[in-house]
Amino acid sequence: MKAKSLEIEAYTITGITRKLGYKSSKTIYRLHNKTPSPLEEYIWYEYPNAIGRKRIYLMLEPPNLVSLAEKIKANIQVRKHNIIRKNR
């Protein structure tokens, strides 16, 4: 039996911000810093690089979970000027 390979798209917070169309990464950082973080299932950490800082990646569509965009929509208040909102 062969092992299954799994490909996951993971981006930095700045990359996710651009990909989802936000002007600023503030919303995603707020959700990440919340306790408990609603984005915890979507985070993949890469521990210390040469400088000694860890990098945080977010998965757009992890297996067996709703997409990251839908999760963010569910955890923010819908306002008039939000980029991601339901179309009328």
C-alpha atoms as a PDB file:
ATOM      1  CA  MET A   1       0.000   0.000   0.000  1.00  0.00           C
ATOM      2  CA  LYS A   2       1.406   3.383  -0.997  1.00  0.00           C
ATOM      3  CA  ALA A   3       1.497   6.309   1.363  1.00  0.00           C
ATOM      4  CA  LYS A   4      -0.681   9.228   0.332  1.00  0.00           C
ATOM      5  CA  SER A   5       0.976  12.550  -0.335  1.00  0.00           C
ATOM      6  CA  LEU A   6      -0.704  15.732   0.784  1.00  0.00           C
ATOM      7  CA  GLU A   7      -0.122  19.150  -0.720  1.00  0.00           C
ATOM      8  CA  ILE A   8      -1.156  22.184   1.279  1.00  0.00           C
ATOM      9  CA  GLU A   9      -0.962  25.840   0.287  1.00  0.00           C
ATOM     10  CA  ALA A  10       0.470  27.813   3.191  1.00  0.00           C
ATOM     11  CA  TYR A  11       1.269  31.528   3.179  1.00  0.00           C
ATOM     12  CA  THR A  12       2.632  34.032   5.657  1.00  0.00           C
ATOM     13  CA  ILE A  13       0.141  36.402   7.268  1.00  0.00           C
ATOM     14  CA  THR A  14       1.142  39.131   4.803  1.00  0.00           C
ATOM     15  CA  GLY A  15       0.646  36.723   1.894  1.00  0.00           C
ATOM     16  CA  ILE A  16      -2.798  35.690   3.161  1.00  0.00           C
ATOM     17  CA  THR A  17      -3.728  39.360   3.536  1.00  0.00           C
ATOM     18  CA  ARG A  18      -2.902  40.018  -0.105  1.00  0.00           C
ATOM     19  CA  LYS A  19      -4.526  36.786  -1.283  1.00  0.00           C
ATOM     20  CA  LEU A  20      -7.833  37.568   0.477  1.00  0.00           C
ATOM     21  CA  GLY A  21      -7.836  41.221  -0.599  1.00  0.00           C
ATOM     22  CA  TYR A  22      -7.423  43.015   2.717  1.00  0.00           C
ATOM     23  CA  LYS A  23      -5.752  46.431   2.831  1.00  0.00           C
ATOM     24  CA  SER A  24      -4.027  45.645   6.128  1.00  0.00           C
ATOM     25  CA  SER A  25      -3.013  42.518   8.033  1.00  0.00           C
ATOM     26  CA  LYS A  26      -4.384  43.906  11.301  1.00  0.00           C
ATOM     27  CA  THR A  27      -7.567  41.797  11.237  1.00  0.00           C
ATOM     28  CA  ILE A  28      -5.677  38.543  10.785  1.00  0.00           C
ATOM     29  CA  TYR A  29      -3.147  39.455  13.500  1.00  0.00           C
ATOM     30  CA  ARG A  30      -6.034  40.258  15.885  1.00  0.00           C
ATOM     31  CA  LEU A  31      -7.622  36.868  15.252  1.00  0.00           C
ATOM     32  CA  HIS A  32      -4.249  35.161  15.695  1.00  0.00           C
ATOM     33  CA  ASN A  33      -3.547  36.925  19.015  1.00  0.00           C
ATOM     34  CA  LYS A  34      -7.011  36.208  20.462  1.00  0.00           C
ATOM     35  CA  THR A  35      -7.113  33.637  23.273  1.00  0.00           C
ATOM     36  CA  PRO A  36      -8.062  30.961  22.279  1.00  0.00           C
ATOM     37  CA  SER A  37      -7.178  31.697  18.666  1.00  0.00           C
ATOM     38  CA  PRO A  38      -9.909  30.760  16.174  1.00  0.00           C
ATOM     39  CA  LEU A  39      -7.155  30.299  13.575  1.00  0.00           C
ATOM     40  CA  GLU A  40      -5.158  27.735  15.608  1.00  0.00           C
ATOM     41  CA  GLU A  41      -6.161  24.842  13.313  1.00  0.00           C
ATOM     42  CA  TYR A  42      -4.911  26.784  10.267  1.00  0.00           C
ATOM     43  CA  ILE A  43      -1.475  27.717  11.628  1.00  0.00           C
ATOM     44  CA  TRP A  44       1.758  25.964  10.731  1.00  0.00           C
ATOM     45  CA  TYR A  45       4.914  27.103  12.533  1.00  0.00           C
ATOM     46  CA  GLU A  46       8.428  26.937  11.130  1.00  0.00           C
ATOM     47  CA  TYR A  47      10.753  27.143  14.083  1.00  0.00           C
ATOM     48  CA  PRO A  48      13.873  29.224  14.325  1.00  0.00           C
ATOM     49  CA  ASN A  49      15.578  30.220  11.150  1.00  0.00           C
ATOM     50  CA  ALA A  50      19.123  31.635  11.019  1.00  0.00           C
ATOM     51  CA  ILE A  51      18.025  34.795  12.863  1.00  0.00           C
ATOM     52  CA  GLY A  52      16.249  32.821  15.570  1.00  0.00           C
ATOM     53  CA  ARG A  53      12.673  33.895  14.832  1.00  0.00           C
ATOM     54  CA  LYS A  54       9.832  31.497  14.135  1.00  0.00           C
ATOM     55  CA  ARG A  55       7.734  31.988  11.020  1.00  0.00           C
ATOM     56  CA  ILE A  56       3.974  31.610  11.013  1.00  0.00           C
ATOM     57  CA  TYR A  57       2.165  30.227   7.995  1.00  0.00           C
ATOM     58  CA  LEU A  58      -1.594  29.964   7.493  1.00  0.00           C
ATOM     59  CA  MET A  59      -3.154  27.235   5.363  1.00  0.00           C
ATOM     60  CA  LEU A  60      -5.806  28.395   2.900  1.00  0.00           C
ATOM     61  CA  GLU A  61      -7.709  25.104   2.717  1.00  0.00           C
ATOM     62  CA  PRO A  62      -6.587  22.547   5.287  1.00  0.00           C
ATOM     63  CA  PRO A  63      -8.000  19.035   4.943  1.00  0.00           C
ATOM     64  CA  ASN A  64     -11.338  18.356   6.673  1.00  0.00           C
ATOM     65  CA  LEU A  65     -11.877  22.028   7.665  1.00  0.00           C
ATOM     66  CA  VAL A  66     -13.693  24.990   6.154  1.00  0.00           C
ATOM     67  CA  SER A  67     -11.565  27.391   4.130  1.00  0.00           C
ATOM     68  CA  LEU A  68      -9.622  30.132   5.892  1.00  0.00           C
ATOM     69  CA  ALA A  69     -11.696  32.885   4.237  1.00  0.00           C
ATOM     70  CA  GLU A  70     -14.931  31.376   5.614  1.00  0.00           C
ATOM     71  CA  LYS A  71     -13.396  31.001   9.090  1.00  0.00           C
ATOM     72  CA  ILE A  72     -12.336  34.667   9.090  1.00  0.00           C
ATOM     73  CA  LYS A  73     -15.805  35.744   7.914  1.00  0.00           C
ATOM     74  CA  ALA A  74     -17.368  33.825  10.799  1.00  0.00           C
ATOM     75  CA  ASN A  75     -15.116  35.529  13.371  1.00  0.00           C
ATOM     76  CA  ILE A  76     -15.299  39.197  12.351  1.00  0.00           C
ATOM     77  CA  GLN A  77     -18.085  41.717  12.459  1.00  0.00           C
ATOM     78  CA  VAL A  78     -19.504  42.467   9.049  1.00  0.00           C
ATOM     79  CA  ARG A  79     -19.261  46.179   8.446  1.00  0.00           C
ATOM     80  CA  LYS A  80     -19.989  48.411   5.517  1.00  0.00           C
ATOM     81  CA  HIS A  81     -16.379  48.714   4.387  1.00  0.00           C
ATOM     82  CA  ASN A  82     -15.129  45.146   4.981  1.00  0.00           C
ATOM     83  CA  ILE A  83     -13.575  43.608   1.903  1.00  0.00           C
ATOM     84  CA  ILE A  84     -14.924  40.127   2.619  1.00  0.00           C
ATOM     85  CA  ARG A  85     -18.671  40.171   3.108  1.00  0.00           C
ATOM     86  CA  LYS A  86     -21.774  38.524   1.760  1.00  0.00           C
ATOM     87  CA  ASN A  87     -23.093  39.910  -1.501  1.00  0.00           C
ATOM     88  CA  ARG A  88     -26.632  41.184  -1.415  1.00  0.00           C
END
